[in-house]
């Protein structure tokens, strides 16, 4: 699995988020130890298959990202 190889090599992945479910998937990976905090979320809005590029989308995504991470 690619995620295990990145962990072994100390690579910090950038988590590109196109929609809400992707945040929750990343959080599940964190719980399983497949990602290490702090997580680096990158919101990608306004593209086909993603959330609209609106303030409402950005606020919603920012509200579900865990605040207890260093740097947030």
C-alpha atoms as a PDB file:
ATOM      1  CA  UNK A   1       0.000   0.000   0.000  1.00  0.00           C
ATOM      2  CA  UNK A   2       1.407   3.390  -1.003  1.00  0.00           C
ATOM      3  CA  UNK A   3       0.546   5.013   2.320  1.00  0.00           C
ATOM      4  CA  UNK A   4       2.721   2.524   4.213  1.00  0.00           C
ATOM      5  CA  UNK A   5       5.681   3.274   1.948  1.00  0.00           C
ATOM      6  CA  UNK A   6       5.308   7.026   2.498  1.00  0.00           C
ATOM      7  CA  UNK A   7       5.272   6.444   6.273  1.00  0.00           C
ATOM      8  CA  UNK A   8       8.427   4.327   6.100  1.00  0.00           C
ATOM      9  CA  UNK A   9      10.226   7.006   4.103  1.00  0.00           C
ATOM     10  CA  UNK A  10       9.019   9.861   6.320  1.00  0.00           C
ATOM     11  CA  UNK A  11       7.100  11.552   3.485  1.00  0.00           C
ATOM     12  CA  UNK A  12       4.393  13.964   4.642  1.00  0.00           C
ATOM     13  CA  UNK A  13       1.453  13.700   2.196  1.00  0.00           C
ATOM     14  CA  UNK A  14      -0.580  16.690   1.112  1.00  0.00           C
ATOM     15  CA  UNK A  15      -4.215  15.636   1.454  1.00  0.00           C
ATOM     16  CA  UNK A  16      -6.140  17.170  -1.433  1.00  0.00           C
ATOM     17  CA  UNK A  17      -9.790  17.466  -0.434  1.00  0.00           C
ATOM     18  CA  UNK A  18     -12.430  17.794  -3.161  1.00  0.00           C
ATOM     19  CA  UNK A  19     -15.466  17.028  -1.007  1.00  0.00           C
ATOM     20  CA  UNK A  20     -16.474  16.428   2.621  1.00  0.00           C
ATOM     21  CA  UNK A  21     -16.184  12.643   2.577  1.00  0.00           C
ATOM     22  CA  UNK A  22     -12.490  12.920   1.774  1.00  0.00           C
ATOM     23  CA  UNK A  23     -11.844  14.662   5.109  1.00  0.00           C
ATOM     24  CA  UNK A  24     -13.535  11.824   6.973  1.00  0.00           C
ATOM     25  CA  UNK A  25     -11.540   9.248   4.995  1.00  0.00           C
ATOM     26  CA  UNK A  26      -8.313  10.994   6.028  1.00  0.00           C
ATOM     27  CA  UNK A  27      -9.452  11.013   9.648  1.00  0.00           C
ATOM     28  CA  UNK A  28     -10.121   7.251   9.480  1.00  0.00           C
ATOM     29  CA  UNK A  29      -6.602   6.754   8.071  1.00  0.00           C
ATOM     30  CA  UNK A  30      -5.279   8.831  10.989  1.00  0.00           C
ATOM     31  CA  UNK A  31      -7.140   6.618  13.499  1.00  0.00           C
ATOM     32  CA  UNK A  32      -5.697   3.493  11.836  1.00  0.00           C
ATOM     33  CA  UNK A  33      -2.169   4.903  12.041  1.00  0.00           C
ATOM     34  CA  UNK A  34      -1.846   5.239   8.267  1.00  0.00           C
ATOM     35  CA  UNK A  35      -1.347   9.014   8.566  1.00  0.00           C
ATOM     36  CA  UNK A  36       0.595  10.915  11.207  1.00  0.00           C
ATOM     37  CA  UNK A  37      -0.366  14.324  12.618  1.00  0.00           C
ATOM     38  CA  UNK A  38      -0.317  17.092  11.870  1.00  0.00           C
ATOM     39  CA  UNK A  39      -2.300  16.498   8.684  1.00  0.00           C
ATOM     40  CA  UNK A  40      -1.835  18.898   5.770  1.00  0.00           C
ATOM     41  CA  UNK A  41      -5.224  19.462   4.106  1.00  0.00           C
ATOM     42  CA  UNK A  42      -5.423  21.232   0.761  1.00  0.00           C
ATOM     43  CA  UNK A  43      -8.959  22.200  -0.274  1.00  0.00           C
ATOM     44  CA  UNK A  44      -9.639  21.948  -4.016  1.00  0.00           C
ATOM     45  CA  UNK A  45     -12.933  23.659  -4.805  1.00  0.00           C
ATOM     46  CA  UNK A  46     -14.771  24.568  -7.982  1.00  0.00           C
ATOM     47  CA  UNK A  47     -13.711  21.575 -10.069  1.00  0.00           C
ATOM     48  CA  UNK A  48     -15.798  18.880 -11.721  1.00  0.00           C
ATOM     49  CA  UNK A  49     -16.745  16.295  -9.103  1.00  0.00           C
ATOM     50  CA  UNK A  50     -15.858  18.573  -6.197  1.00  0.00           C
ATOM     51  CA  UNK A  51     -17.591  21.060  -3.944  1.00  0.00           C
ATOM     52  CA  UNK A  52     -18.431  24.500  -5.317  1.00  0.00           C
ATOM     53  CA  UNK A  53     -15.910  27.287  -4.757  1.00  0.00           C
ATOM     54  CA  UNK A  54     -18.025  29.207  -2.272  1.00  0.00           C
ATOM     55  CA  UNK A  55     -17.431  30.692   1.148  1.00  0.00           C
ATOM     56  CA  UNK A  56     -20.020  28.252   2.522  1.00  0.00           C
ATOM     57  CA  UNK A  57     -18.027  25.249   1.240  1.00  0.00           C
ATOM     58  CA  UNK A  58     -14.804  26.607   2.686  1.00  0.00           C
ATOM     59  CA  UNK A  59     -16.382  27.309   6.072  1.00  0.00           C
ATOM     60  CA  UNK A  60     -17.912  23.828   6.226  1.00  0.00           C
ATOM     61  CA  UNK A  61     -14.632  22.105   5.375  1.00  0.00           C
ATOM     62  CA  UNK A  62     -12.676  24.221   7.823  1.00  0.00           C
ATOM     63  CA  UNK A  63     -15.162  23.335  10.572  1.00  0.00           C
ATOM     64  CA  UNK A  64     -14.692  19.563  10.189  1.00  0.00           C
ATOM     65  CA  UNK A  65     -10.889  19.596  10.107  1.00  0.00           C
ATOM     66  CA  UNK A  66      -9.669  18.725  13.609  1.00  0.00           C
ATOM     67  CA  UNK A  67      -8.479  21.792  15.534  1.00  0.00           C
ATOM     68  CA  UNK A  68      -6.285  19.875  17.968  1.00  0.00           C
ATOM     69  CA  UNK A  69      -3.489  19.520  15.442  1.00  0.00           C
ATOM     70  CA  UNK A  70      -0.263  21.441  15.926  1.00  0.00           C
ATOM     71  CA  UNK A  71      -0.223  24.511  13.703  1.00  0.00           C
ATOM     72  CA  UNK A  72      -4.009  24.925  13.421  1.00  0.00           C
END
